Amino acid sequence: MARKSRVDAPTGTQSVERVLVALESVARASNGVEIAEIAECLNVSPATAYRLVGVLQRQGYVVRGPDHRYRLGKTVGLLGLALQRQVLATPPIRRLLDAARAAAHAPVYLTGFIDGDVVVAHISDSVEHPRISQLHVGFSEANHATAFGKLMLAASPQLVERVERPALTRASITGSAPLSDELERVRRNQLSVEVEEYMPKLACIAAAVRSERGATIGAVSVSVSADDFRSRADELELVVRRTALQVSSALPLVEVSA
């Protein structure tokens, strides 16, 4: 590993720096990292590395697997969610979502894609246009059955086989071949639609949010009743496509996807 710390007697600041470097070394390792590798990275003894990694482990930043390798823990995921909210759901972008809600007469969702998960970063709803009850900021489930989830899978096909695909409704797409065909349609149309796949009598439509480099890093989506969607699908498509383009243009110059 490239980065090493000095071996001076640690001050308080140096101890903090070493803990952060240890966390970085775990993050860089695709299949986890052993304590000896962390010690080498920090240029400290294994005993000192254990002590430093223990701080991260107690706070949930890393976990130790049965193979004795350390990997990132759930607390890092919470930081990722906070990053999504701070980078994606900025005040100007929230105003764009509010305008989209007014135009669509429906709740609008901003989702971010990070490390193979879809995370709801912001929801613009109101008493007149309430959100889907199951969806909340931080929600990251049912990617095969949600419009924004299918957008992510279409952009990252290597994730498809590891996604659980329960039949949430009779319309849920659970088979590999049908889902592959559906994701090809999403890629071709640059638009994702689900009608009663996630919940009965509900429909959603989503368009991709892209980074400055053109990578799909999230989505803008709208949810309405299935009957409402069938009567004004073209109108809702215009809203999500336009808003996704506006959000993409308004993003800070930070890559937030993995």
C-alpha atoms as a PDB file:
ATOM      1  CA  MET A   1       0.000   0.000   0.000  1.00  0.00           C
ATOM      2  CA  ALA A   2       1.245   3.436  -0.943  1.00  0.00           C
ATOM      3  CA  ARG A   3       0.346   5.598   2.007  1.00  0.00           C
ATOM      4  CA  LYS A   4       2.322   5.327   5.245  1.00  0.00           C
ATOM      5  CA  SER A   5       2.395   7.290   8.479  1.00  0.00           C
ATOM      6  CA  ARG A   6       5.437   8.400  10.487  1.00  0.00           C
ATOM      7  CA  VAL A   7       6.505   6.308  13.450  1.00  0.00           C
ATOM      8  CA  ASP A   8       6.909   9.237  15.857  1.00  0.00           C
ATOM      9  CA  ALA A   9       5.291   8.929  19.271  1.00  0.00           C
ATOM     10  CA  PRO A  10       1.654   9.614  18.412  1.00  0.00           C
ATOM     11  CA  THR A  11       0.112  12.882  19.431  1.00  0.00           C
ATOM     12  CA  GLY A  12      -3.662  13.244  19.637  1.00  0.00           C
ATOM     13  CA  THR A  13      -3.743  14.642  16.124  1.00  0.00           C
ATOM     14  CA  GLN A  14      -1.511  11.891  14.764  1.00  0.00           C
ATOM     15  CA  SER A  15      -3.707   9.220  16.344  1.00  0.00           C
ATOM     16  CA  VAL A  16      -6.742  10.679  14.576  1.00  0.00           C
ATOM     17  CA  GLU A  17      -4.803  10.795  11.310  1.00  0.00           C
ATOM     18  CA  ARG A  18      -3.774   7.160  11.722  1.00  0.00           C
ATOM     19  CA  VAL A  19      -7.362   6.058  12.355  1.00  0.00           C
ATOM     20  CA  LEU A  20      -8.462   7.865   9.186  1.00  0.00           C
ATOM     21  CA  VAL A  21      -5.638   6.322   7.151  1.00  0.00           C
ATOM     22  CA  ALA A  22      -6.650   2.902   8.482  1.00  0.00           C
ATOM     23  CA  LEU A  23     -10.215   3.542   7.334  1.00  0.00           C
ATOM     24  CA  GLU A  24      -8.961   4.602   3.910  1.00  0.00           C
ATOM     25  CA  SER A  25      -6.928   1.406   3.614  1.00  0.00           C
ATOM     26  CA  VAL A  26     -10.029  -0.680   4.322  1.00  0.00           C
ATOM     27  CA  ALA A  27     -12.043   1.335   1.796  1.00  0.00           C
ATOM     28  CA  ARG A  28      -9.463   0.823  -0.949  1.00  0.00           C
ATOM     29  CA  ALA A  29      -9.441  -2.974  -0.561  1.00  0.00           C
ATOM     30  CA  SER A  30     -12.131  -4.577  -2.724  1.00  0.00           C
ATOM     31  CA  ASN A  31     -12.089  -7.834  -0.722  1.00  0.00           C
ATOM     32  CA  GLY A  32     -11.228  -6.535   2.722  1.00  0.00           C
ATOM     33  CA  VAL A  33      -7.835  -6.148   4.358  1.00  0.00           C
ATOM     34  CA  GLU A  34      -5.920  -7.995   7.079  1.00  0.00           C
ATOM     35  CA  ILE A  35      -4.507  -6.304  10.160  1.00  0.00           C
ATOM     36  CA  ALA A  36      -0.938  -6.896   8.944  1.00  0.00           C
ATOM     37  CA  GLU A  37      -1.674  -4.913   5.784  1.00  0.00           C
ATOM     38  CA  ILE A  38      -3.139  -2.067   7.813  1.00  0.00           C
ATOM     39  CA  ALA A  39      -0.088  -2.083  10.070  1.00  0.00           C
ATOM     40  CA  GLU A  40       2.195  -1.910   7.027  1.00  0.00           C
ATOM     41  CA  CYS A  41       0.169   0.947   5.569  1.00  0.00           C
ATOM     42  CA  LEU A  42       0.470   2.883   8.834  1.00  0.00           C
ATOM     43  CA  ASN A  43       4.066   1.838   9.489  1.00  0.00           C
ATOM     44  CA  VAL A  44       3.110   0.686  12.996  1.00  0.00           C
ATOM     45  CA  SER A  45       3.141  -2.596  14.875  1.00  0.00           C
ATOM     46  CA  PRO A  46       0.207  -5.023  14.508  1.00  0.00           C
ATOM     47  CA  ALA A  47      -0.718  -4.322  18.144  1.00  0.00           C
ATOM     48  CA  THR A  48      -1.038  -0.598  17.425  1.00  0.00           C
ATOM     49  CA  ALA A  49      -2.988  -1.330  14.243  1.00  0.00           C
ATOM     50  CA  TYR A  50      -5.420  -3.492  16.266  1.00  0.00           C
ATOM     51  CA  ARG A  51      -5.951  -0.634  18.697  1.00  0.00           C
ATOM     52  CA  LEU A  52      -6.619   1.888  15.947  1.00  0.00           C
ATOM     53  CA  VAL A  53      -8.908  -0.421  13.986  1.00  0.00           C
ATOM     54  CA  GLY A  54     -10.716  -1.232  17.223  1.00  0.00           C
ATOM     55  CA  VAL A  55     -11.848   2.401  17.399  1.00  0.00           C
ATOM     56  CA  LEU A  56     -13.356   2.078  13.915  1.00  0.00           C
ATOM     57  CA  GLN A  57     -14.912  -1.278  14.722  1.00  0.00           C
ATOM     58  CA  ARG A  58     -16.609  -0.062  17.902  1.00  0.00           C
ATOM     59  CA  GLN A  59     -18.189   2.828  16.007  1.00  0.00           C
ATOM     60  CA  GLY A  60     -19.382   0.631  13.146  1.00  0.00           C
ATOM     61  CA  TYR A  61     -17.047   2.026  10.495  1.00  0.00           C
ATOM     62  CA  VAL A  62     -15.485  -1.386   9.864  1.00  0.00           C
ATOM     63  CA  VAL A  63     -16.457  -4.983  10.546  1.00  0.00           C
ATOM     64  CA  ARG A  64     -14.265  -8.068  10.860  1.00  0.00           C
ATOM     65  CA  GLY A  65     -15.360 -11.057   8.795  1.00  0.00           C
ATOM     66  CA  PRO A  66     -14.919 -14.791   9.471  1.00  0.00           C
ATOM     67  CA  ASP A  67     -11.838 -14.648   7.236  1.00  0.00           C
ATOM     68  CA  HIS A  68     -10.301 -12.102   9.680  1.00  0.00           C
ATOM     69  CA  ARG A  69     -10.376  -9.403   7.005  1.00  0.00           C
ATOM     70  CA  TYR A  70     -11.769  -5.968   7.743  1.00  0.00           C
ATOM     71  CA  ARG A  71     -14.437  -4.400   5.527  1.00  0.00           C
ATOM     72  CA  LEU A  72     -16.484  -1.237   5.655  1.00  0.00           C
ATOM     73  CA  GLY A  73     -19.356  -1.176   8.153  1.00  0.00           C
ATOM     74  CA  LYS A  74     -22.840   0.304   8.233  1.00  0.00           C
ATOM     75  CA  THR A  75     -21.729   3.645   9.634  1.00  0.00           C
ATOM     76  CA  VAL A  76     -19.894   4.334   6.388  1.00  0.00           C
ATOM     77  CA  GLY A  77     -23.178   3.702   4.578  1.00  0.00           C
ATOM     78  CA  LEU A  78     -24.834   6.346   6.734  1.00  0.00           C
ATOM     79  CA  LEU A  79     -22.091   8.778   5.747  1.00  0.00           C
ATOM     80  CA  GLY A  80     -22.738   7.869   2.122  1.00  0.00           C
ATOM     81  CA  LEU A  81     -26.395   8.701   2.612  1.00  0.00           C
ATOM     82  CA  ALA A  82     -25.481  12.029   4.194  1.00  0.00           C
ATOM     83  CA  LEU A  83     -23.218  12.746   1.223  1.00  0.00           C
ATOM     84  CA  GLN A  84     -26.068  11.992  -1.161  1.00  0.00           C
ATOM     85  CA  ARG A  85     -28.324  14.425   0.679  1.00  0.00           C
ATOM     86  CA  GLN A  86     -25.723  17.183   0.902  1.00  0.00           C
ATOM     87  CA  VAL A  87     -24.431  16.870  -2.668  1.00  0.00           C
ATOM     88  CA  LEU A  88     -27.626  15.940  -4.493  1.00  0.00           C
ATOM     89  CA  ALA A  89     -30.364  17.603  -2.451  1.00  0.00           C
ATOM     90  CA  THR A  90     -28.955  21.132  -2.335  1.00  0.00           C
ATOM     91  CA  PRO A  91     -31.399  24.033  -1.840  1.00  0.00           C
ATOM     92  CA  PRO A  92     -31.453  24.907  -5.590  1.00  0.00           C
ATOM     93  CA  ILE A  93     -32.143  21.291  -6.489  1.00  0.00           C
ATOM     94  CA  ARG A  94     -34.893  21.032  -3.865  1.00  0.00           C
ATOM     95  CA  ARG A  95     -36.517  24.065  -5.479  1.00  0.00           C
ATOM     96  CA  LEU A  96     -36.405  22.294  -8.847  1.00  0.00           C
ATOM     97  CA  LEU A  97     -38.116  19.285  -7.293  1.00  0.00           C
ATOM     98  CA  ASP A  98     -40.787  21.491  -5.731  1.00  0.00           C
ATOM     99  CA  ALA A  99     -41.461  23.044  -9.150  1.00  0.00           C
ATOM    100  CA  ALA A 100     -41.707  19.563 -10.657  1.00  0.00           C
ATOM    101  CA  ARG A 101     -44.203  18.553  -7.964  1.00  0.00           C
ATOM    102  CA  ALA A 102     -46.350  21.580  -8.829  1.00  0.00           C
ATOM    103  CA  ALA A 103     -46.166  20.762 -12.537  1.00  0.00           C
ATOM    104  CA  ALA A 104     -46.882  17.064 -12.127  1.00  0.00           C
ATOM    105  CA  HIS A 105     -49.460  17.420  -9.336  1.00  0.00           C
ATOM    106  CA  ALA A 106     -47.676  14.493  -7.708  1.00  0.00           C
ATOM    107  CA  PRO A 107     -44.846  13.749  -5.286  1.00  0.00           C
ATOM    108  CA  VAL A 108     -41.329  13.881  -6.756  1.00  0.00           C
ATOM    109  CA  TYR A 109     -38.390  11.774  -5.597  1.00  0.00           C
ATOM    110  CA  LEU A 110     -34.665  12.381  -5.987  1.00  0.00           C
ATOM    111  CA  THR A 111     -32.596   9.229  -5.673  1.00  0.00           C
ATOM    112  CA  GLY A 112     -28.855   8.667  -5.763  1.00  0.00           C
ATOM    113  CA  PHE A 113     -26.974   5.537  -6.793  1.00  0.00           C
ATOM    114  CA  ILE A 114     -24.060   4.536  -4.600  1.00  0.00           C
ATOM    115  CA  ASP A 115     -22.160   1.250  -4.416  1.00  0.00           C
ATOM    116  CA  GLY A 116     -24.963  -0.703  -6.080  1.00  0.00           C
ATOM    117  CA  ASP A 117     -27.732   0.725  -3.916  1.00  0.00           C
ATOM    118  CA  VAL A 118     -30.490   3.198  -4.632  1.00  0.00           C
ATOM    119  CA  VAL A 119     -30.879   5.752  -1.860  1.00  0.00           C
ATOM    120  CA  VAL A 120     -33.730   8.250  -1.647  1.00  0.00           C
ATOM    121  CA  ALA A 121     -31.976  11.584  -1.081  1.00  0.00           C
ATOM    122  CA  HIS A 122     -35.028  13.891  -1.046  1.00  0.00           C
ATOM    123  CA  ILE A 123     -38.802  13.778  -1.483  1.00  0.00           C
ATOM    124  CA  SER A 124     -40.879  16.782  -2.497  1.00  0.00           C
ATOM    125  CA  ASP A 125     -44.439  16.097  -1.394  1.00  0.00           C
ATOM    126  CA  SER A 126     -47.359  17.878   0.232  1.00  0.00           C
ATOM    127  CA  VAL A 127     -50.680  17.243   1.906  1.00  0.00           C
ATOM    128  CA  GLU A 128     -52.338  17.332  -1.512  1.00  0.00           C
ATOM    129  CA  HIS A 129     -49.672  15.109  -3.073  1.00  0.00           C
ATOM    130  CA  PRO A 130     -48.349  12.726  -0.375  1.00  0.00           C
ATOM    131  CA  ARG A 131     -45.419  10.404  -0.895  1.00  0.00           C
ATOM    132  CA  ILE A 132     -45.670   6.634  -1.156  1.00  0.00           C
ATOM    133  CA  SER A 133     -45.966   5.532   2.468  1.00  0.00           C
ATOM    134  CA  GLN A 134     -43.207   2.919   2.181  1.00  0.00           C
ATOM    135  CA  LEU A 135     -40.697   5.360   0.702  1.00  0.00           C
ATOM    136  CA  HIS A 136     -38.585   7.552   2.939  1.00  0.00           C
ATOM    137  CA  VAL A 137     -35.232   9.273   2.810  1.00  0.00           C
ATOM    138  CA  GLY A 138     -32.727   6.440   2.986  1.00  0.00           C
ATOM    139  CA  PHE A 139     -34.976   3.798   1.401  1.00  0.00           C
ATOM    140  CA  SER A 140     -32.932   1.387  -0.741  1.00  0.00           C
ATOM    141  CA  GLU A 141     -35.000  -1.678  -1.572  1.00  0.00           C
ATOM    142  CA  ALA A 142     -36.813  -3.500  -4.386  1.00  0.00           C
ATOM    143  CA  ASN A 143     -34.622  -2.267  -7.216  1.00  0.00           C
ATOM    144  CA  HIS A 144     -36.178  -4.705  -9.687  1.00  0.00           C
ATOM    145  CA  ALA A 145     -39.658  -3.285  -9.069  1.00  0.00           C
ATOM    146  CA  THR A 146     -39.142   0.480  -8.781  1.00  0.00           C
ATOM    147  CA  ALA A 147     -38.673   2.865 -11.677  1.00  0.00           C
ATOM    148  CA  PHE A 148     -35.531   4.405 -10.197  1.00  0.00           C
ATOM    149  CA  GLY A 149     -34.178   0.986  -9.273  1.00  0.00           C
ATOM    150  CA  LYS A 150     -34.505  -0.244 -12.837  1.00  0.00           C
ATOM    151  CA  LEU A 151     -32.654   2.858 -14.031  1.00  0.00           C
ATOM    152  CA  MET A 152     -29.732   1.959 -11.812  1.00  0.00           C
ATOM    153  CA  LEU A 153     -29.734  -1.668 -12.939  1.00  0.00           C
ATOM    154  CA  ALA A 154     -29.897  -0.593 -16.577  1.00  0.00           C
ATOM    155  CA  ALA A 155     -26.839   1.613 -16.044  1.00  0.00           C
ATOM    156  CA  SER A 156     -24.978  -1.104 -14.066  1.00  0.00           C
ATOM    157  CA  PRO A 157     -25.960  -4.502 -15.533  1.00  0.00           C
ATOM    158  CA  GLN A 158     -23.272  -6.260 -13.481  1.00  0.00           C
ATOM    159  CA  LEU A 159     -25.519  -5.724 -10.438  1.00  0.00           C
ATOM    160  CA  VAL A 160     -28.547  -7.564 -11.815  1.00  0.00           C
ATOM    161  CA  GLU A 161     -27.698 -11.098 -10.725  1.00  0.00           C
ATOM    162  CA  ARG A 162     -27.032 -10.100  -7.124  1.00  0.00           C
ATOM    163  CA  VAL A 163     -30.366  -8.286  -6.726  1.00  0.00           C
ATOM    164  CA  GLU A 164     -33.116 -10.137  -4.883  1.00  0.00           C
ATOM    165  CA  ARG A 165     -36.291 -10.179  -6.958  1.00  0.00           C
ATOM    166  CA  PRO A 166     -39.317 -11.061  -4.825  1.00  0.00           C
ATOM    167  CA  ALA A 167     -42.777 -10.926  -6.420  1.00  0.00           C
ATOM    168  CA  LEU A 168     -44.161  -7.882  -4.634  1.00  0.00           C
ATOM    169  CA  THR A 169     -47.227  -7.870  -6.897  1.00  0.00           C
ATOM    170  CA  ARG A 170     -48.490  -9.941  -9.806  1.00  0.00           C
ATOM    171  CA  ALA A 171     -46.791  -7.460 -12.157  1.00  0.00           C
ATOM    172  CA  SER A 172     -43.329  -7.644 -10.531  1.00  0.00           C
ATOM    173  CA  ILE A 173     -40.622  -8.777 -12.935  1.00  0.00           C
ATOM    174  CA  THR A 174     -38.737 -11.620 -11.255  1.00  0.00           C
ATOM    175  CA  GLY A 175     -37.290 -13.713 -14.086  1.00  0.00           C
ATOM    176  CA  SER A 176     -33.815 -13.040 -15.463  1.00  0.00           C
ATOM    177  CA  ALA A 177     -34.829 -12.958 -19.131  1.00  0.00           C
ATOM    178  CA  PRO A 178     -37.879 -10.678 -18.688  1.00  0.00           C
ATOM    179  CA  LEU A 179     -35.869  -8.329 -16.467  1.00  0.00           C
ATOM    180  CA  SER A 180     -33.045  -8.240 -19.020  1.00  0.00           C
ATOM    181  CA  ASP A 181     -35.544  -7.276 -21.727  1.00  0.00           C
ATOM    182  CA  GLU A 182     -37.027  -4.601 -19.505  1.00  0.00           C
ATOM    183  CA  LEU A 183     -33.641  -3.092 -18.696  1.00  0.00           C
ATOM    184  CA  GLU A 184     -32.778  -3.015 -22.397  1.00  0.00           C
ATOM    185  CA  ARG A 185     -35.957  -0.966 -22.971  1.00  0.00           C
ATOM    186  CA  VAL A 186     -34.910   1.376 -20.172  1.00  0.00           C
ATOM    187  CA  ARG A 187     -31.479   1.877 -21.763  1.00  0.00           C
ATOM    188  CA  ARG A 188     -33.004   2.407 -25.200  1.00  0.00           C
ATOM    189  CA  ASN A 189     -35.629   4.908 -24.041  1.00  0.00           C
ATOM    190  CA  GLN A 190     -33.524   6.538 -21.286  1.00  0.00           C
ATOM    191  CA  LEU A 191     -36.672   6.311 -19.196  1.00  0.00           C
ATOM    192  CA  SER A 192     -37.991   3.832 -16.643  1.00  0.00           C
ATOM    193  CA  VAL A 193     -41.640   3.057 -15.939  1.00  0.00           C
ATOM    194  CA  GLU A 194     -43.298   0.679 -13.529  1.00  0.00           C
ATOM    195  CA  VAL A 195     -47.035   0.145 -13.320  1.00  0.00           C
ATOM    196  CA  GLU A 196     -48.207  -1.866 -10.312  1.00  0.00           C
ATOM    197  CA  GLU A 197     -44.859  -3.672 -10.054  1.00  0.00           C
ATOM    198  CA  TYR A 198     -43.974  -2.279  -6.632  1.00  0.00           C
ATOM    199  CA  MET A 199     -47.467  -1.741  -5.231  1.00  0.00           C
ATOM    200  CA  PRO A 200     -50.963  -2.446  -6.573  1.00  0.00           C
ATOM    201  CA  LYS A 201     -52.720   0.559  -8.124  1.00  0.00           C
ATOM    202  CA  LEU A 202     -49.477   2.586  -8.141  1.00  0.00           C
ATOM    203  CA  ALA A 203     -47.254   3.720 -11.022  1.00  0.00           C
ATOM    204  CA  CYS A 204     -43.907   5.516 -11.172  1.00  0.00           C
ATOM    205  CA  ILE A 205     -41.850   7.038 -13.961  1.00  0.00           C
ATOM    206  CA  ALA A 206     -38.178   8.029 -13.685  1.00  0.00           C
ATOM    207  CA  ALA A 207     -35.470   9.732 -15.750  1.00  0.00           C
ATOM    208  CA  ALA A 208     -31.723   9.605 -15.114  1.00  0.00           C
ATOM    209  CA  VAL A 209     -29.663  12.249 -13.344  1.00  0.00           C
ATOM    210  CA  ARG A 210     -26.177  12.359 -14.837  1.00  0.00           C
ATOM    211  CA  SER A 211     -22.835  13.602 -13.614  1.00  0.00           C
ATOM    212  CA  GLU A 212     -20.684  16.061 -15.532  1.00  0.00           C
ATOM    213  CA  ARG A 213     -18.962  13.031 -17.103  1.00  0.00           C
ATOM    214  CA  GLY A 214     -22.257  11.545 -18.269  1.00  0.00           C
ATOM    215  CA  ALA A 215     -22.485   8.744 -15.707  1.00  0.00           C
ATOM    216  CA  THR A 216     -25.927   7.844 -14.374  1.00  0.00           C
ATOM    217  CA  ILE A 217     -25.731   8.775 -10.689  1.00  0.00           C
ATOM    218  CA  GLY A 218     -29.390   9.023  -9.727  1.00  0.00           C
ATOM    219  CA  ALA A 219     -32.925   9.666 -10.883  1.00  0.00           C
ATOM    220  CA  VAL A 220     -35.870  12.015 -10.697  1.00  0.00           C
ATOM    221  CA  SER A 221     -39.157  10.147 -10.441  1.00  0.00           C
ATOM    222  CA  VAL A 222     -42.843  10.782  -9.920  1.00  0.00           C
ATOM    223  CA  SER A 223     -45.479   8.487  -8.412  1.00  0.00           C
ATOM    224  CA  VAL A 224     -49.194   8.547  -9.201  1.00  0.00           C
ATOM    225  CA  SER A 225     -52.051   6.086  -9.259  1.00  0.00           C
ATOM    226  CA  ALA A 226     -51.951   3.560 -12.075  1.00  0.00           C
ATOM    227  CA  ASP A 227     -55.144   5.011 -13.559  1.00  0.00           C
ATOM    228  CA  ASP A 228     -53.764   8.557 -13.393  1.00  0.00           C
ATOM    229  CA  PHE A 229     -50.559   7.443 -15.087  1.00  0.00           C
ATOM    230  CA  ARG A 230     -52.411   5.790 -17.956  1.00  0.00           C
ATOM    231  CA  SER A 231     -54.333   9.012 -18.596  1.00  0.00           C
ATOM    232  CA  ARG A 232     -51.320  11.382 -18.652  1.00  0.00           C
ATOM    233  CA  ALA A 233     -48.156   9.364 -19.144  1.00  0.00           C
ATOM    234  CA  ASP A 234     -46.792  11.774 -21.762  1.00  0.00           C
ATOM    235  CA  GLU A 235     -47.231  14.764 -19.438  1.00  0.00           C
ATOM    236  CA  LEU A 236     -45.422  13.012 -16.576  1.00  0.00           C
ATOM    237  CA  GLU A 237     -42.631  11.873 -18.893  1.00  0.00           C
ATOM    238  CA  LEU A 238     -42.024  15.479 -19.902  1.00  0.00           C
ATOM    239  CA  VAL A 239     -41.832  16.563 -16.258  1.00  0.00           C
ATOM    240  CA  VAL A 240     -39.324  13.908 -15.173  1.00  0.00           C
ATOM    241  CA  ARG A 241     -37.130  14.272 -18.257  1.00  0.00           C
ATOM    242  CA  ARG A 242     -36.995  18.046 -17.930  1.00  0.00           C
ATOM    243  CA  THR A 243     -36.389  17.990 -14.186  1.00  0.00           C
ATOM    244  CA  ALA A 244     -33.689  15.319 -14.425  1.00  0.00           C
ATOM    245  CA  LEU A 245     -31.869  17.451 -16.985  1.00  0.00           C
ATOM    246  CA  GLN A 246     -32.183  20.528 -14.776  1.00  0.00           C
ATOM    247  CA  VAL A 247     -30.952  18.641 -11.712  1.00  0.00           C
ATOM    248  CA  SER A 248     -27.999  17.253 -13.677  1.00  0.00           C
ATOM    249  CA  SER A 249     -27.053  20.781 -14.733  1.00  0.00           C
ATOM    250  CA  ALA A 250     -27.417  22.107 -11.172  1.00  0.00           C
ATOM    251  CA  LEU A 251     -25.251  19.442  -9.509  1.00  0.00           C
ATOM    252  CA  PRO A 252     -22.074  20.567  -7.741  1.00  0.00           C
ATOM    253  CA  LEU A 253     -18.938  19.430  -9.559  1.00  0.00           C
ATOM    254  CA  VAL A 254     -18.549  16.361  -7.355  1.00  0.00           C
ATOM    255  CA  GLU A 255     -18.772  12.724  -8.442  1.00  0.00           C
ATOM    256  CA  VAL A 256     -21.092  10.994  -5.991  1.00  0.00           C
ATOM    257  CA  SER A 257     -21.434   7.574  -7.592  1.00  0.00           C
ATOM    258  CA  ALA A 258     -19.127   4.611  -7.301  1.00  0.00           C
END
